[in-house]
Every structure is written in structure tokens, then in C-alpha cells.
Amino acid sequence: MARVKRAVNAHKKRRAILEQASGYRGQRSRLYRKAKEQVTHSLVYNYNDRKKRKGDFRQLWIQRINAAARA
């Protein structure tokens, strides 16, 4: 069986994660392991907060409508 060389794929994967982590503070933007952990958490937060945003705007609209109705 032929030997599989992974250097190109591994570097590509690591570079992609580090690019996603650019702008993070400290080790989280420089070290792959820390960056990977933070990027996965960030994606989860991102997903959840997109759902939360809808409720936040709904609450804001209700307050504005209420204030306008009272004025």
C-alpha cells in the first residue's frame, strides 16, 4: 500500500482555522489547538445568537409600538 503524505492537507486545514481565528486575543489567534477550540465555540455562539436576535428585535418592536400607541 502506498504511503499517504498529509502535509499539504494538514497545513491547509490549520491555515483555514487560524484564518477564521484572526482577531481573537492571545493564543486563540496563534496556536492551532486553542484557535480550533475557540472557532468551534464561536460557531455555536453565532448559531444560537442568530436565533436569539429574532426574539430581541420582536421585543424591541413591541416596545416601540407600545410607546407609539401611548403617545
PDB file of N, CA and C in Angstrom:
ATOM      1  N   MET A   1       0.838  -1.186   0.000  1.00  0.00           N
ATOM      2  CA  MET A   1       0.000   0.000   0.000  1.00  0.00           C
ATOM      3  C   MET A   1       0.884   1.251   0.000  1.00  0.00           C
ATOM      4  N   ALA A   2       0.463   2.254  -0.772  1.00  0.00           N
ATOM      5  CA  ALA A   2       1.257   3.467  -0.901  1.00  0.00           C
ATOM      6  C   ALA A   2       1.165   4.323   0.360  1.00  0.00           C
ATOM      7  N   ARG A   3       2.256   5.019   0.601  1.00  0.00           N
ATOM      8  CA  ARG A   3       2.308   5.907   1.755  1.00  0.00           C
ATOM      9  C   ARG A   3       1.499   7.174   1.465  1.00  0.00           C
ATOM     10  N   VAL A   4       0.762   7.630   2.464  1.00  0.00           N
ATOM     11  CA  VAL A   4      -0.043   8.837   2.303  1.00  0.00           C
ATOM     12  C   VAL A   4       0.679   9.993   2.973  1.00  0.00           C
ATOM     13  N   LYS A   5       0.931  11.034   2.194  1.00  0.00           N
ATOM     14  CA  LYS A   5       1.585  12.219   2.743  1.00  0.00           C
ATOM     15  C   LYS A   5       0.510  13.258   3.018  1.00  0.00           C
ATOM     16  N   ARG A   6       0.458  13.716   4.252  1.00  0.00           N
ATOM     17  CA  ARG A   6      -0.648  14.568   4.680  1.00  0.00           C
ATOM     18  C   ARG A   6      -0.264  16.041   4.850  1.00  0.00           C
ATOM     19  N   ALA A   7       0.969  16.375   4.563  1.00  0.00           N
ATOM     20  CA  ALA A   7       1.441  17.725   4.894  1.00  0.00           C
ATOM     21  C   ALA A   7       0.589  18.816   4.257  1.00  0.00           C
ATOM     22  N   VAL A   8       0.288  18.681   2.977  1.00  0.00           N
ATOM     23  CA  VAL A   8      -0.449  19.742   2.277  1.00  0.00           C
ATOM     24  C   VAL A   8      -1.842  19.909   2.876  1.00  0.00           C
ATOM     25  N   ASN A   9      -2.534  18.795   3.060  1.00  0.00           N
ATOM     26  CA  ASN A   9      -3.892  18.857   3.615  1.00  0.00           C
ATOM     27  C   ASN A   9      -3.890  19.368   5.051  1.00  0.00           C
ATOM     28  N   ALA A  10      -2.919  18.904   5.841  1.00  0.00           N
ATOM     29  CA  ALA A  10      -2.851  19.319   7.244  1.00  0.00           C
ATOM     30  C   ALA A  10      -2.588  20.818   7.345  1.00  0.00           C
ATOM     31  N   HIS A  11      -1.650  21.326   6.534  1.00  0.00           N
ATOM     32  CA  HIS A  11      -1.346  22.754   6.576  1.00  0.00           C
ATOM     33  C   HIS A  11      -2.541  23.582   6.113  1.00  0.00           C
ATOM     34  N   LYS A  12      -3.233  23.081   5.096  1.00  0.00           N
ATOM     35  CA  LYS A  12      -4.403  23.791   4.581  1.00  0.00           C
ATOM     36  C   LYS A  12      -5.487  23.887   5.656  1.00  0.00           C
ATOM     37  N   LYS A  13      -5.708  22.768   6.347  1.00  0.00           N
ATOM     38  CA  LYS A  13      -6.718  22.722   7.403  1.00  0.00           C
ATOM     39  C   LYS A  13      -6.352  23.683   8.536  1.00  0.00           C
ATOM     40  N   ARG A  14      -5.087  23.643   8.951  1.00  0.00           N
ATOM     41  CA  ARG A  14      -4.644  24.503  10.050  1.00  0.00           C
ATOM     42  C   ARG A  14      -4.710  25.972   9.667  1.00  0.00           C
ATOM     43  N   ARG A  15      -4.301  26.266   8.440  1.00  0.00           N
ATOM     44  CA  ARG A  15      -4.322  27.654   7.983  1.00  0.00           C
ATOM     45  C   ARG A  15      -5.763  28.184   7.955  1.00  0.00           C
ATOM     46  N   ALA A  16      -6.701  27.333   7.527  1.00  0.00           N
ATOM     47  CA  ALA A  16      -8.108  27.751   7.465  1.00  0.00           C
ATOM     48  C   ALA A  16      -8.637  28.093   8.852  1.00  0.00           C
ATOM     49  N   ILE A  17      -8.299  27.262   9.839  1.00  0.00           N
ATOM     50  CA  ILE A  17      -8.753  27.518  11.214  1.00  0.00           C
ATOM     51  C   ILE A  17      -8.123  28.803  11.744  1.00  0.00           C
ATOM     52  N   LEU A  18      -6.832  28.981  11.514  1.00  0.00           N
ATOM     53  CA  LEU A  18      -6.144  30.173  12.019  1.00  0.00           C
ATOM     54  C   LEU A  18      -6.656  31.444  11.337  1.00  0.00           C
ATOM     55  N   GLU A  19      -7.050  31.337  10.070  1.00  0.00           N
ATOM     56  CA  GLU A  19      -7.629  32.496   9.390  1.00  0.00           C
ATOM     57  C   GLU A  19      -8.974  32.852  10.007  1.00  0.00           C
ATOM     58  N   GLN A  20      -9.760  31.830  10.348  1.00  0.00           N
ATOM     59  CA  GLN A  20     -11.053  32.081  10.993  1.00  0.00           C
ATOM     60  C   GLN A  20     -10.860  32.715  12.365  1.00  0.00           C
ATOM     61  N   ALA A  21      -9.746  32.371  13.023  1.00  0.00           N
ATOM     62  CA  ALA A  21      -9.491  32.846  14.386  1.00  0.00           C
ATOM     63  C   ALA A  21      -8.757  34.181  14.407  1.00  0.00           C
ATOM     64  N   SER A  22      -8.520  34.777  13.243  1.00  0.00           N
ATOM     65  CA  SER A  22      -7.794  36.042  13.250  1.00  0.00           C
ATOM     66  C   SER A  22      -8.660  37.094  13.921  1.00  0.00           C
ATOM     67  N   GLY A  23      -8.045  37.904  14.765  1.00  0.00           N
ATOM     68  CA  GLY A  23      -8.786  38.909  15.513  1.00  0.00           C
ATOM     69  C   GLY A  23      -9.084  38.481  16.931  1.00  0.00           C
ATOM     70  N   TYR A  24      -8.900  37.190  17.223  1.00  0.00           N
ATOM     71  CA  TYR A  24      -9.093  36.726  18.595  1.00  0.00           C
ATOM     72  C   TYR A  24      -7.877  37.143  19.412  1.00  0.00           C
ATOM     73  N   ARG A  25      -8.031  37.144  20.729  1.00  0.00           N
ATOM     74  CA  ARG A  25      -6.972  37.613  21.618  1.00  0.00           C
ATOM     75  C   ARG A  25      -5.995  36.512  21.970  1.00  0.00           C
ATOM     76  N   GLY A  26      -4.712  36.878  22.055  1.00  0.00           N
ATOM     77  CA  GLY A  26      -3.681  35.991  22.596  1.00  0.00           C
ATOM     78  C   GLY A  26      -3.488  34.703  21.819  1.00  0.00           C
ATOM     79  N   GLN A  27      -3.373  33.614  22.566  1.00  0.00           N
ATOM     80  CA  GLN A  27      -3.082  32.312  21.971  1.00  0.00           C
ATOM     81  C   GLN A  27      -4.188  31.851  21.038  1.00  0.00           C
ATOM     82  N   ARG A  28      -5.377  32.343  21.261  1.00  0.00           N
ATOM     83  CA  ARG A  28      -6.523  31.875  20.484  1.00  0.00           C
ATOM     84  C   ARG A  28      -6.420  32.237  19.015  1.00  0.00           C
ATOM     85  N   SER A  29      -5.571  33.196  18.697  1.00  0.00           N
ATOM     86  CA  SER A  29      -5.386  33.538  17.288  1.00  0.00           C
ATOM     87  C   SER A  29      -4.078  32.975  16.737  1.00  0.00           C
ATOM     88  N   ARG A  30      -3.221  32.425  17.615  1.00  0.00           N
ATOM     89  CA  ARG A  30      -1.896  31.995  17.171  1.00  0.00           C
ATOM     90  C   ARG A  30      -1.658  30.500  17.226  1.00  0.00           C
ATOM     91  N   LEU A  31      -2.208  29.839  18.239  1.00  0.00           N
ATOM     92  CA  LEU A  31      -1.964  28.405  18.402  1.00  0.00           C
ATOM     93  C   LEU A  31      -3.145  27.617  17.852  1.00  0.00           C
ATOM     94  N   TYR A  32      -2.850  26.600  17.050  1.00  0.00           N
ATOM     95  CA  TYR A  32      -3.907  25.861  16.357  1.00  0.00           C
ATOM     96  C   TYR A  32      -4.903  25.235  17.314  1.00  0.00           C
ATOM     97  N   ARG A  33      -4.408  24.570  18.352  1.00  0.00           N
ATOM     98  CA  ARG A  33      -5.314  23.853  19.255  1.00  0.00           C
ATOM     99  C   ARG A  33      -6.273  24.804  19.969  1.00  0.00           C
ATOM    100  N   LYS A  34      -5.733  25.919  20.431  1.00  0.00           N
ATOM    101  CA  LYS A  34      -6.576  26.908  21.112  1.00  0.00           C
ATOM    102  C   LYS A  34      -7.539  27.564  20.115  1.00  0.00           C
ATOM    103  N   ALA A  35      -7.014  27.846  18.924  1.00  0.00           N
ATOM    104  CA  ALA A  35      -7.834  28.505  17.903  1.00  0.00           C
ATOM    105  C   ALA A  35      -8.985  27.608  17.472  1.00  0.00           C
ATOM    106  N   LYS A  36      -8.707  26.323  17.311  1.00  0.00           N
ATOM    107  CA  LYS A  36      -9.739  25.380  16.873  1.00  0.00           C
ATOM    108  C   LYS A  36     -10.873  25.318  17.891  1.00  0.00           C
ATOM    109  N   GLU A  37     -10.498  25.251  19.156  1.00  0.00           N
ATOM    110  CA  GLU A  37     -11.481  25.206  20.234  1.00  0.00           C
ATOM    111  C   GLU A  37     -12.350  26.463  20.222  1.00  0.00           C
ATOM    112  N   GLN A  38     -11.699  27.610  20.081  1.00  0.00           N
ATOM    113  CA  GLN A  38     -12.426  28.875  20.105  1.00  0.00           C
ATOM    114  C   GLN A  38     -13.316  29.034  18.882  1.00  0.00           C
ATOM    115  N   VAL A  39     -12.831  28.602  17.722  1.00  0.00           N
ATOM    116  CA  VAL A  39     -13.623  28.727  16.495  1.00  0.00           C
ATOM    117  C   VAL A  39     -14.879  27.873  16.593  1.00  0.00           C
ATOM    118  N   THR A  40     -14.754  26.647  17.125  1.00  0.00           N
ATOM    119  CA  THR A  40     -15.941  25.794  17.249  1.00  0.00           C
ATOM    120  C   THR A  40     -16.941  26.414  18.221  1.00  0.00           C
ATOM    121  N   HIS A  41     -16.453  26.964  19.331  1.00  0.00           N
ATOM    122  CA  HIS A  41     -17.352  27.630  20.271  1.00  0.00           C
ATOM    123  C   HIS A  41     -17.994  28.855  19.619  1.00  0.00           C
ATOM    124  N   SER A  42     -17.193  29.593  18.869  1.00  0.00           N
ATOM    125  CA  SER A  42     -17.704  30.801  18.229  1.00  0.00           C
ATOM    126  C   SER A  42     -18.815  30.478  17.246  1.00  0.00           C
ATOM    127  N   LEU A  43     -18.653  29.381  16.514  1.00  0.00           N
ATOM    128  CA  LEU A  43     -19.686  28.984  15.557  1.00  0.00           C
ATOM    129  C   LEU A  43     -20.982  28.612  16.274  1.00  0.00           C
ATOM    130  N   VAL A  44     -20.847  27.972  17.429  1.00  0.00           N
ATOM    131  CA  VAL A  44     -22.031  27.611  18.224  1.00  0.00           C
ATOM    132  C   VAL A  44     -22.718  28.876  18.737  1.00  0.00           C
ATOM    133  N   TYR A  45     -21.915  29.807  19.282  1.00  0.00           N
ATOM    134  CA  TYR A  45     -22.480  31.062  19.778  1.00  0.00           C
ATOM    135  C   TYR A  45     -23.166  31.819  18.638  1.00  0.00           C
ATOM    136  N   ASN A  46     -22.509  31.815  17.488  1.00  0.00           N
ATOM    137  CA  ASN A  46     -23.025  32.505  16.312  1.00  0.00           C
ATOM    138  C   ASN A  46     -24.397  31.951  15.931  1.00  0.00           C
ATOM    139  N   TYR A  47     -24.514  30.644  15.883  1.00  0.00           N
ATOM    140  CA  TYR A  47     -25.764  29.974  15.524  1.00  0.00           C
ATOM    141  C   TYR A  47     -26.860  30.316  16.532  1.00  0.00           C
ATOM    142  N   ASN A  48     -26.542  30.176  17.821  1.00  0.00           N
ATOM    143  CA  ASN A  48     -27.535  30.441  18.866  1.00  0.00           C
ATOM    144  C   ASN A  48     -27.974  31.902  18.875  1.00  0.00           C
ATOM    145  N   ASP A  49     -27.023  32.804  18.683  1.00  0.00           N
ATOM    146  CA  ASP A  49     -27.348  34.224  18.749  1.00  0.00           C
ATOM    147  C   ASP A  49     -28.134  34.693  17.528  1.00  0.00           C
ATOM    148  N   ARG A  50     -27.982  34.006  16.394  1.00  0.00           N
ATOM    149  CA  ARG A  50     -28.838  34.318  15.245  1.00  0.00           C
ATOM    150  C   ARG A  50     -30.291  34.018  15.588  1.00  0.00           C
ATOM    151  N   LYS A  51     -30.511  32.953  16.343  1.00  0.00           N
ATOM    152  CA  LYS A  51     -31.878  32.612  16.768  1.00  0.00           C
ATOM    153  C   LYS A  51     -32.381  33.628  17.801  1.00  0.00           C
ATOM    154  N   LYS A  52     -31.485  34.021  18.712  1.00  0.00           N
ATOM    155  CA  LYS A  52     -31.852  34.967  19.772  1.00  0.00           C
ATOM    156  C   LYS A  52     -32.199  36.340  19.215  1.00  0.00           C
ATOM    157  N   ARG A  53     -31.501  36.726  18.147  1.00  0.00           N
ATOM    158  CA  ARG A  53     -31.677  38.060  17.576  1.00  0.00           C
ATOM    159  C   ARG A  53     -33.132  38.303  17.183  1.00  0.00           C
ATOM    160  N   LYS A  54     -33.795  37.267  16.674  1.00  0.00           N
ATOM    161  CA  LYS A  54     -35.183  37.402  16.241  1.00  0.00           C
ATOM    162  C   LYS A  54     -36.082  37.792  17.414  1.00  0.00           C
ATOM    163  N   GLY A  55     -35.859  37.163  18.555  1.00  0.00           N
ATOM    164  CA  GLY A  55     -36.629  37.495  19.756  1.00  0.00           C
ATOM    165  C   GLY A  55     -36.319  38.890  20.260  1.00  0.00           C
ATOM    166  N   ASP A  56     -35.037  39.273  20.174  1.00  0.00           N
ATOM    167  CA  ASP A  56     -34.632  40.606  20.630  1.00  0.00           C
ATOM    168  C   ASP A  56     -35.321  41.697  19.812  1.00  0.00           C
ATOM    169  N   PHE A  57     -35.335  41.506  18.481  1.00  0.00           N
ATOM    170  CA  PHE A  57     -35.975  42.500  17.627  1.00  0.00           C
ATOM    171  C   PHE A  57     -37.477  42.532  17.847  1.00  0.00           C
ATOM    172  N   ARG A  58     -38.068  41.375  18.061  1.00  0.00           N
ATOM    173  CA  ARG A  58     -39.505  41.313  18.332  1.00  0.00           C
ATOM    174  C   ARG A  58     -39.836  42.108  19.600  1.00  0.00           C
ATOM    175  N   GLN A  59     -39.014  41.916  20.620  1.00  0.00           N
ATOM    176  CA  GLN A  59     -39.202  42.634  21.886  1.00  0.00           C
ATOM    177  C   GLN A  59     -39.079  44.147  21.674  1.00  0.00           C
ATOM    178  N   LEU A  60     -38.089  44.540  20.864  1.00  0.00           N
ATOM    179  CA  LEU A  60     -37.875  45.955  20.577  1.00  0.00           C
ATOM    180  C   LEU A  60     -39.068  46.548  19.825  1.00  0.00           C
ATOM    181  N   TRP A  61     -39.559  45.809  18.827  1.00  0.00           N
ATOM    182  CA  TRP A  61     -40.711  46.285  18.052  1.00  0.00           C
ATOM    183  C   TRP A  61     -41.931  46.455  18.946  1.00  0.00           C
ATOM    184  N   ILE A  62     -42.159  45.495  19.834  1.00  0.00           N
ATOM    185  CA  ILE A  62     -43.307  45.561  20.745  1.00  0.00           C
ATOM    186  C   ILE A  62     -43.206  46.803  21.628  1.00  0.00           C
ATOM    187  N   GLN A  63     -42.003  47.071  22.151  1.00  0.00           N
ATOM    188  CA  GLN A  63     -41.810  48.257  22.995  1.00  0.00           C
ATOM    189  C   GLN A  63     -42.074  49.539  22.209  1.00  0.00           C
ATOM    190  N   ARG A  64     -41.589  49.579  20.967  1.00  0.00           N
ATOM    191  CA  ARG A  64     -41.771  50.780  20.146  1.00  0.00           C
ATOM    192  C   ARG A  64     -43.243  50.995  19.796  1.00  0.00           C
ATOM    193  N   ILE A  65     -43.913  49.909  19.440  1.00  0.00           N
ATOM    194  CA  ILE A  65     -45.341  50.004  19.111  1.00  0.00           C
ATOM    195  C   ILE A  65     -46.124  50.455  20.339  1.00  0.00           C
ATOM    196  N   ASN A  66     -45.784  49.883  21.484  1.00  0.00           N
ATOM    197  CA  ASN A  66     -46.444  50.225  22.737  1.00  0.00           C
ATOM    198  C   ASN A  66     -46.245  51.711  23.066  1.00  0.00           C
ATOM    199  N   ALA A  67     -44.999  52.183  22.911  1.00  0.00           N
ATOM    200  CA  ALA A  67     -44.689  53.587  23.202  1.00  0.00           C
ATOM    201  C   ALA A  67     -45.435  54.508  22.236  1.00  0.00           C
ATOM    202  N   ALA A  68     -45.497  54.116  20.965  1.00  0.00           N
ATOM    203  CA  ALA A  68     -46.183  54.935  19.961  1.00  0.00           C
ATOM    204  C   ALA A  68     -47.688  54.961  20.228  1.00  0.00           C
ATOM    205  N   ALA A  69     -48.219  53.831  20.668  1.00  0.00           N
ATOM    206  CA  ALA A  69     -49.657  53.746  20.945  1.00  0.00           C
ATOM    207  C   ALA A  69     -50.031  54.617  22.142  1.00  0.00           C
ATOM    208  N   ARG A  70     -49.136  54.728  23.109  1.00  0.00           N
ATOM    209  CA  ARG A  70     -49.407  55.528  24.306  1.00  0.00           C
ATOM    210  C   ARG A  70     -49.232  57.024  24.038  1.00  0.00           C
ATOM    211  N   ALA A  71     -48.361  57.359  23.099  1.00  0.00           N
ATOM    212  CA  ALA A  71     -48.048  58.782  22.840  1.00  0.00           C
ATOM    213  C   ALA A  71     -49.188  59.492  22.132  1.00  0.00           C
TER     214      ALA A  71
END
